[in-house]
Structure formats: C-alpha cells, structure tokens
Amino acid sequence: MQPLFYYLKVVKTLIFAIMNEQIKKKRCDLKINSYGISNQGRVRSNNEDFFHINKEKSLFLLADGMGGHNAGEVASKETCRFYESSFNPDAQEIENHFKAVFKKTNDRIFNFGKKNKDLKNMGATFIVCYIHNSTAHILHAGDVRAYHFQNHTLNQITEDHSLVAELLKQGQITKKQVKEHPLRNRVTNAVGAKEIVYPDYNRVELLQDDIILLCSDGLWNMVDDDKILSIITAQESIETICKKLLDEALAAGGTDNITILLIECNNE
C-alpha cells in the first residue's frame, strides 16, 4: 500500500492537469470581437486621432497625430495605413516583424515630413495590437496606452513615453500630479519624430472574457483607471462600453481628441 503523501501528489497532479486543459480550451476556443470610436472632444477644432481595424489580419491600430495644421491628421492616418499594409500575419518571428514594420513606417513618416514643407515636424504616437493563438502582441511609441482586463482587474500593459512618466519614475512628481503637470503632453517617443525611434514590445496571454483596451491620452487623461474598470466590469457590449467611456471623457472636459478601441475575447 502506497503512503498517503503519494496519493495526495497524484491528486494534485490530476488537478493541475485538469486546470491546464481548461485554460487551453479557453484559449483555443477564443473568438475576437472589436469596436472602436473616435471623437474630436470639446476643445479641439479637428481630430488628429485615427484608428483602424483589420479583422482578416487580427490587427488593431491607433495613432494620435502631432505637428499642427493638418500635419497631425496626415501623420496618424498614414502611420496606421502604412503599418497595416506592410504587416504580414504569416511572419514567423512576430516581435522581430513587428519592429521591422515599425522601422519602415517611421522611415516613411520621417521622410514624408522632411520633403513636405506643410508637414514639417509631423509625427504620431502609435500603438498596434496583433492577436495570434490567444496571445496579444502589442507594440507602441508615445503615450497611447494598452490595458488588459482579466478576472475583474485592469492592468496597464504599456509604459508611457513622456516627460511626466520619466519624472514620475524618478520620484519628482506624484501620480496625481501627472495629469496636472504643465508639460504633461510632451512625449519622448513618436513615429516620425526622429530618424531612429525605438518602440516597446509587450505580449499578454488571453483567456475567455478578457478585453484589451487601446486608447489615446484623450481618454486616460480625463478618466481614471478605477472608473474605466467600473465601466468595463458592468459586462455590457463592447460598443456600449466604448460609448460610455467616451461620454465619461467628454463629461470630464474632453480637452483632447478621444479614441477608444476595444478587443473582446469570447467563445460565441
């Protein structure tokens, strides 16, 4: 007869095996729904944000343009469209391909701005998400953000490339002061801003009922993470969630363009 600890070990192994199979099933059965919305806000005269969804490639893109006049609008649209057309979903090394396409996109926007006097200093903060085998691959430059909603918690995936983010990291300002700082809109990284730009790459594993939120600073500057979480947790459709997040940002002042893109994982 085997000792008690032997049977406990067997039971423990079986429990872990069952849990792993359940997680695998959740991942294998995932289907993706998405919805996006963009608004110029209450203060700006035009909308320099842009987003694009390519369902065939499972590719989701969002950009916030910079440069004045119509340069910001051109930069955000051109960044998303060129990246989307250059991206190959069959690429074997996703991270390397992500970064290679980003480099091509940055070269295009940087040179486009140099050659066109009216578009001088054009650029865009940019984020792209690719869903593959229940994994979200995310690459960004600037202060556009990605959040991951899972098990009733909301985690910020990306790290802002901005002056206030650096000051916060150094302990020179508090988290509350970030949204009030006079230089809060100064970014340290953006497509087309420099000849060489280094984006950040992140990846997260997805389960059933997870949501990925991509947004411009027009949302997170107006609506804090706790409020975003409470709206998502209400378990309404992603279209309704998007519209409620937009309404919340507008009600808080809508001082910037607001763009929200939600990616939902489910088995329906």
Foldseek 3Di string as FASTA:
>chain_A
DDDPVVVVVVVVVVVVVVVVVVQLVQLVLKDKDKDKDWDFFDADPDALKDWDQDRVQQKTKIKQKDADDCLSNCANVQLRVQLVVQDDSPDDPVVVSNVVSLLVSLQVLQVVLVVDVVNPQMWIWMKMWGADSQKTKIKTWAAWWKWKDDPLDIGTFDQHQFPLSVCVVVVNDDPVCLLVDPRNRGGRFTRNNDNDGDIDIDMDGHGAFMKMKIKDVLQCSQDPPVRLSVLSVVPDDVVVSNVVSVVSSNVSPRNGMIMMMMMHIHND
